[in-house]
Amino acid sequence: MSTLTITIDERLRLVTAVLAASNWPAEEQAQLTHAVHAQAKQVRQFVQPFASHPAVNGANEALLNGVPLTDLFSAALRCTWPGFTPTAELPNVLKINDWVQSLADFARETSILTLFWAQHTAVWQEAAAALQTIFSDDRLLTALGQLGDGGQTAVCLMPNLVFPALTPVVATAADTLALLLPPPKAVGESPPWPFDEDPGWVVATAAEQLAPHLLAEDLATLGAADKPVAIYLAAAHCLAALLDDFEAQAYLLRAKKEQELPQLPALFARLQDEVAGGNGRPFTSLF
């Protein structure tokens, strides 16, 4: 059975700092104007003197070439800390070996662990504690496990108070998934909300991000049009399991309207009957 832990992974947090020094924040604002967490502002200020560091240049080059963030974070996750020696095959990205080596140098040159992170422990602990109140046990993974065979996967959930500020990222390694979750975006240009002020968004987003990985074999049996529908159903099922049916139905209503999927409520009702019946069939059998 999969396990879920809330953690701060220094390898992944270092990549968020590299992104803070890169072109990413400006590109993100160009996509959607938004206020970022105070920690993101402070990190960006701290790393500005290192904007020409090879790790930052490498990140900028990768972004320019369309390399997804998941590959950059996955590369870091597959390395040791703090030396960034690869422990598994790295993503198939040009110059990725040189880039992970530059991460170790970035950590040394900036001394960010001792000169910055050590001074901001409380804000990270507060964010992790807020996530812990929502995911106090393994019910999220248990709920996903009711829908298909998730296998033996260690899942790490990490609050990401830096960058990317709008987009969750799943980093992968052998039998390990690490979900970097930004805090919920507030209305307009207000600072983002604490995680525990919008647990419905947190649960739904975590489920949407993890389902494609934990239920990959089952989802692979579906056509392209049905896969997103299945992920919405999985997220609604997790909301019902961790919070209540009202949260699940509200989520389905939003998805139904925004994605023009009138079939969602009926499919979810059938899913609930299937799970209650305990027949063991994967939820993709609904399609």
Protein backbone atom coordinates (compact mmCIF):
# COMPACT_ATOMS: atom_id res chain seq x y z
CA MET A 1 0.00 0.00 0.00
CA SER A 2 1.18 3.53 -0.71
CA THR A 3 2.16 5.84 2.13
CA LEU A 4 1.80 9.62 2.40
CA THR A 5 4.16 11.91 4.27
CA ILE A 6 4.35 15.69 4.57
CA THR A 7 7.94 16.82 4.21
CA ILE A 8 10.30 19.60 3.15
CA ASP A 9 12.79 18.12 0.67
CA GLU A 10 15.91 20.29 0.45
CA ARG A 11 16.70 19.10 -3.08
CA LEU A 12 13.31 20.24 -4.34
CA ARG A 13 13.34 23.44 -2.30
CA LEU A 14 16.67 24.33 -3.87
CA VAL A 15 15.14 24.03 -7.34
CA THR A 16 12.41 26.48 -6.29
CA ALA A 17 15.16 28.93 -5.33
CA VAL A 18 16.87 28.45 -8.70
CA LEU A 19 13.54 29.19 -10.37
CA ALA A 20 13.23 32.32 -8.23
CA ALA A 21 16.49 33.60 -9.75
CA SER A 22 15.45 32.58 -13.27
CA ASN A 23 13.05 34.01 -15.83
CA TRP A 24 10.23 31.88 -14.45
CA PRO A 25 8.62 34.47 -12.11
CA ALA A 26 8.27 36.99 -14.96
CA GLU A 27 6.91 34.33 -17.31
CA GLU A 28 4.42 33.22 -14.67
CA GLN A 29 3.18 36.77 -14.17
CA ALA A 30 2.77 37.11 -17.93
CA GLN A 31 0.49 34.06 -17.87
CA LEU A 32 -1.62 35.43 -15.01
CA THR A 33 -1.00 38.44 -12.81
CA HIS A 34 -1.00 37.30 -9.20
CA ALA A 35 0.44 38.01 -5.78
CA VAL A 36 2.97 35.48 -4.49
CA HIS A 37 3.68 34.26 -0.99
CA ALA A 38 5.91 36.55 1.09
CA GLN A 39 8.48 33.76 1.16
CA ALA A 40 8.69 33.77 -2.64
CA LYS A 41 9.44 37.50 -2.63
CA GLN A 42 12.15 37.10 0.00
CA VAL A 43 13.78 34.14 -1.72
CA ARG A 44 13.80 35.98 -5.04
CA GLN A 45 15.53 38.94 -3.40
CA PHE A 46 18.07 36.66 -1.72
CA VAL A 47 19.06 34.84 -4.92
CA GLN A 48 19.15 37.83 -7.27
CA PRO A 49 22.95 38.18 -6.96
CA PHE A 50 23.19 34.66 -8.41
CA ALA A 51 20.98 35.25 -11.45
CA SER A 52 23.88 34.41 -13.76
CA HIS A 53 24.85 31.20 -12.00
CA PRO A 54 25.10 28.13 -14.27
CA ALA A 55 22.19 26.48 -12.45
CA VAL A 56 20.00 29.48 -13.25
CA ASN A 57 21.25 29.72 -16.82
CA GLY A 58 20.58 26.03 -17.26
CA ALA A 59 17.04 26.42 -15.94
CA ASN A 60 16.41 29.36 -18.27
CA GLU A 61 17.71 27.37 -21.24
CA ALA A 62 15.55 24.40 -20.32
CA LEU A 63 12.45 26.58 -19.97
CA LEU A 64 13.18 28.24 -23.30
CA ASN A 65 13.37 24.80 -24.91
CA GLY A 66 10.04 23.74 -23.43
CA VAL A 67 11.38 21.35 -20.81
CA PRO A 68 8.56 20.72 -18.31
CA LEU A 69 9.17 21.63 -14.68
CA THR A 70 8.48 18.05 -13.66
CA ASP A 71 11.70 16.98 -15.42
CA LEU A 72 13.79 19.54 -13.54
CA PHE A 73 12.34 18.62 -10.16
CA SER A 74 12.51 14.89 -10.96
CA ALA A 75 16.20 15.25 -11.81
CA ALA A 76 16.86 16.80 -8.40
CA LEU A 77 14.80 14.15 -6.63
CA ARG A 78 16.93 11.42 -8.21
CA CYS A 79 20.10 12.83 -6.69
CA THR A 80 21.74 12.87 -3.27
CA TRP A 81 21.70 15.89 -0.96
CA PRO A 82 23.72 18.07 -0.86
CA GLY A 83 26.11 16.68 -3.48
CA PHE A 84 23.50 16.05 -6.19
CA THR A 85 25.08 12.80 -7.27
CA PRO A 86 22.56 10.91 -9.42
CA THR A 87 21.20 7.74 -7.78
CA ALA A 88 18.96 6.79 -10.72
CA GLU A 89 18.60 7.52 -14.41
CA LEU A 90 17.88 11.20 -14.94
CA PRO A 91 15.12 12.51 -17.23
CA ASN A 92 16.05 12.56 -20.90
CA VAL A 93 16.87 16.26 -21.05
CA LEU A 94 19.83 17.89 -22.82
CA LYS A 95 22.68 18.80 -20.43
CA ILE A 96 20.74 17.46 -17.42
CA ASN A 97 23.86 15.89 -15.86
CA ASP A 98 25.69 19.22 -15.95
CA TRP A 99 22.63 20.95 -14.52
CA VAL A 100 22.29 18.74 -11.45
CA GLN A 101 26.00 19.24 -10.76
CA SER A 102 25.45 22.98 -10.94
CA LEU A 103 22.72 22.65 -8.31
CA ALA A 104 25.27 21.48 -5.77
CA ASP A 105 27.43 24.50 -6.60
CA PHE A 106 24.41 26.82 -6.33
CA ALA A 107 23.71 25.48 -2.85
CA ARG A 108 27.34 26.03 -1.82
CA GLU A 109 27.74 29.49 -3.32
CA THR A 110 24.47 30.88 -1.99
CA SER A 111 24.69 29.10 1.40
CA ILE A 112 20.93 29.36 1.21
CA LEU A 113 20.40 26.54 3.68
CA THR A 114 22.20 28.35 6.51
CA LEU A 115 21.88 32.00 5.50
CA PHE A 116 18.22 31.93 4.47
CA TRP A 117 16.20 28.76 5.08
CA ALA A 118 17.46 28.46 8.66
CA GLN A 119 16.02 31.92 9.40
CA HIS A 120 12.61 31.02 7.98
CA THR A 121 11.95 27.64 9.54
CA ALA A 122 8.73 28.72 11.22
CA VAL A 123 6.87 29.71 8.05
CA TRP A 124 7.67 26.37 6.42
CA GLN A 125 6.74 24.40 9.52
CA GLU A 126 3.45 26.30 9.67
CA ALA A 127 2.68 25.41 6.05
CA ALA A 128 3.58 21.76 6.60
CA ALA A 129 1.44 21.65 9.75
CA ALA A 130 -1.53 23.08 7.82
CA LEU A 131 -1.20 20.29 5.26
CA GLN A 132 -0.85 17.76 8.08
CA THR A 133 -4.22 18.82 9.49
CA ILE A 134 -5.81 18.03 6.12
CA PHE A 135 -3.87 14.83 5.47
CA SER A 136 -3.62 13.48 9.02
CA ASP A 137 -3.57 9.89 7.78
CA ASP A 138 -3.46 7.88 4.55
CA ARG A 139 -7.13 8.34 3.64
CA LEU A 140 -6.26 10.16 0.42
CA LEU A 141 -4.22 7.22 -0.84
CA THR A 142 -6.75 4.75 0.51
CA ALA A 143 -9.50 6.53 -1.43
CA LEU A 144 -7.44 6.44 -4.63
CA GLY A 145 -6.64 2.80 -3.93
CA GLN A 146 -10.35 2.02 -3.96
CA LEU A 147 -10.43 3.05 -7.61
CA GLY A 148 -7.61 0.90 -8.98
CA ASP A 149 -4.22 -0.62 -8.34
CA GLY A 150 -1.91 2.13 -7.15
CA GLY A 151 0.93 -0.25 -6.34
CA GLN A 152 3.60 0.36 -3.71
CA THR A 153 4.47 4.03 -3.98
CA ALA A 154 5.87 6.41 -1.37
CA VAL A 155 4.13 9.75 -1.79
CA CYS A 156 5.68 12.93 -0.36
CA LEU A 157 3.61 16.10 -0.19
CA MET A 158 5.61 19.30 0.12
CA PRO A 159 4.29 22.83 0.56
CA ASN A 160 5.87 25.06 -2.07
CA LEU A 161 5.98 28.68 -0.91
CA VAL A 162 8.34 29.82 -3.69
CA PHE A 163 8.03 28.94 -7.39
CA PRO A 164 6.12 27.78 -9.34
CA ALA A 165 3.47 29.75 -7.48
CA LEU A 166 0.46 28.77 -9.59
CA THR A 167 1.21 25.24 -10.71
CA PRO A 168 1.57 22.04 -8.68
CA VAL A 169 4.46 19.85 -9.81
CA VAL A 170 4.91 16.10 -9.40
CA ALA A 171 8.52 14.92 -9.26
CA THR A 172 9.16 11.23 -9.82
CA ALA A 173 11.81 8.74 -8.79
CA ALA A 174 11.80 4.96 -8.41
CA ASP A 175 8.66 4.06 -6.42
CA THR A 176 8.45 7.66 -5.16
CA LEU A 177 6.25 10.61 -6.03
CA ALA A 178 6.83 14.09 -4.61
CA LEU A 179 4.02 16.60 -5.04
CA LEU A 180 5.02 20.24 -4.64
CA LEU A 181 1.84 22.11 -3.81
CA PRO A 182 1.59 25.92 -3.88
CA PRO A 183 -0.88 27.56 -1.49
CA PRO A 184 -4.37 28.29 -2.84
CA LYS A 185 -4.51 31.37 -5.03
CA ALA A 186 -6.63 34.11 -3.48
CA VAL A 187 -9.20 36.21 -5.28
CA GLY A 188 -7.73 38.88 -7.54
CA GLU A 189 -4.20 39.95 -6.64
CA SER A 190 -4.35 39.23 -2.90
CA PRO A 191 -1.63 37.03 -1.35
CA PRO A 192 -2.38 33.30 -1.48
CA TRP A 193 -4.41 31.73 1.32
CA PRO A 194 -2.98 29.36 3.94
CA PHE A 195 -3.56 25.73 3.00
CA ASP A 196 -6.00 25.04 5.81
CA GLU A 197 -8.29 27.89 4.75
CA ASP A 198 -9.29 25.98 1.62
CA PRO A 199 -9.01 22.25 2.37
CA GLY A 200 -11.37 21.40 -0.50
CA TRP A 201 -9.01 22.93 -3.03
CA VAL A 202 -6.04 21.21 -1.41
CA VAL A 203 -7.62 17.75 -1.45
CA ALA A 204 -8.98 18.11 -4.98
CA THR A 205 -5.69 19.44 -6.36
CA ALA A 206 -3.64 16.74 -4.66
CA ALA A 207 -5.97 14.05 -6.02
CA GLU A 208 -5.90 15.53 -9.53
CA GLN A 209 -2.10 15.52 -9.51
CA LEU A 210 -1.57 12.08 -7.97
CA ALA A 211 -4.29 10.11 -9.76
CA PRO A 212 -2.55 10.09 -13.18
CA HIS A 213 0.49 8.48 -11.54
CA LEU A 214 -1.10 6.17 -8.96
CA LEU A 215 -3.83 5.00 -11.34
CA ALA A 216 -1.74 5.11 -14.51
CA GLU A 217 -2.39 1.51 -15.57
CA ASP A 218 -6.17 1.88 -15.23
CA LEU A 219 -6.26 5.28 -16.93
CA ALA A 220 -4.20 3.89 -19.81
CA THR A 221 -7.24 1.80 -20.81
CA LEU A 222 -9.29 4.94 -21.48
CA GLY A 223 -9.46 7.16 -24.52
CA ALA A 224 -8.12 10.70 -24.46
CA ALA A 225 -11.57 12.24 -23.91
CA ASP A 226 -12.40 10.01 -20.93
CA LYS A 227 -9.14 10.40 -18.98
CA PRO A 228 -9.84 13.91 -17.65
CA VAL A 229 -13.38 12.85 -16.72
CA ALA A 230 -11.96 9.93 -14.76
CA ILE A 231 -9.56 12.24 -12.91
CA TYR A 232 -12.43 14.56 -11.93
CA LEU A 233 -14.31 11.54 -10.60
CA ALA A 234 -11.26 10.43 -8.63
CA ALA A 235 -10.87 13.89 -7.10
CA ALA A 236 -14.55 14.02 -6.16
CA HIS A 237 -14.27 10.58 -4.58
CA CYS A 238 -11.33 11.78 -2.48
CA LEU A 239 -13.24 14.89 -1.41
CA ALA A 240 -16.15 12.75 -0.24
CA ALA A 241 -13.78 10.44 1.64
CA LEU A 242 -11.66 13.12 3.34
CA LEU A 243 -14.19 15.93 3.76
CA ASP A 244 -17.85 15.32 2.89
CA ASP A 245 -20.29 14.75 0.06
CA PHE A 246 -21.12 18.47 -0.11
CA GLU A 247 -17.51 19.29 -1.07
CA ALA A 248 -17.57 16.51 -3.66
CA GLN A 249 -20.82 17.70 -5.22
CA ALA A 250 -19.67 21.35 -5.27
CA TYR A 251 -16.47 20.29 -7.03
CA LEU A 252 -18.42 18.24 -9.57
CA LEU A 253 -20.76 21.15 -10.25
CA ARG A 254 -17.84 23.48 -10.97
CA ALA A 255 -16.15 20.94 -13.22
CA LYS A 256 -19.43 20.19 -15.00
CA LYS A 257 -19.93 23.87 -15.86
CA GLU A 258 -16.32 24.86 -16.55
CA GLN A 259 -15.43 21.79 -18.60
CA GLU A 260 -18.88 21.24 -20.13
CA LEU A 261 -19.19 17.70 -18.82
CA PRO A 262 -22.90 17.14 -18.08
CA GLN A 263 -22.30 13.44 -17.43
CA LEU A 264 -20.20 13.97 -14.29
CA PRO A 265 -22.92 13.80 -11.57
CA ALA A 266 -24.48 10.61 -12.96
CA LEU A 267 -21.07 8.96 -13.35
CA PHE A 268 -20.14 9.91 -9.79
CA ALA A 269 -23.37 8.42 -8.45
CA ARG A 270 -22.52 5.17 -10.22
CA LEU A 271 -18.99 5.32 -8.86
CA GLN A 272 -20.28 5.69 -5.31
CA ASP A 273 -22.50 2.64 -5.80
CA GLU A 274 -19.58 0.64 -7.20
CA VAL A 275 -17.31 1.51 -4.26
CA ALA A 276 -20.07 0.86 -1.71
CA GLY A 277 -20.71 -2.51 -3.36
CA GLY A 278 -17.06 -3.45 -2.89
CA ASN A 279 -16.86 -5.43 -6.09
CA GLY A 280 -13.21 -4.56 -6.64
CA ARG A 281 -13.61 -3.44 -10.23
CA PRO A 282 -11.42 -0.50 -11.32
CA PHE A 283 -13.40 2.70 -11.63
CA THR A 284 -12.49 2.92 -15.30
CA SER A 285 -15.04 0.16 -15.89
CA LEU A 286 -17.66 2.93 -15.68
CA PHE A 287 -16.63 4.11 -19.14
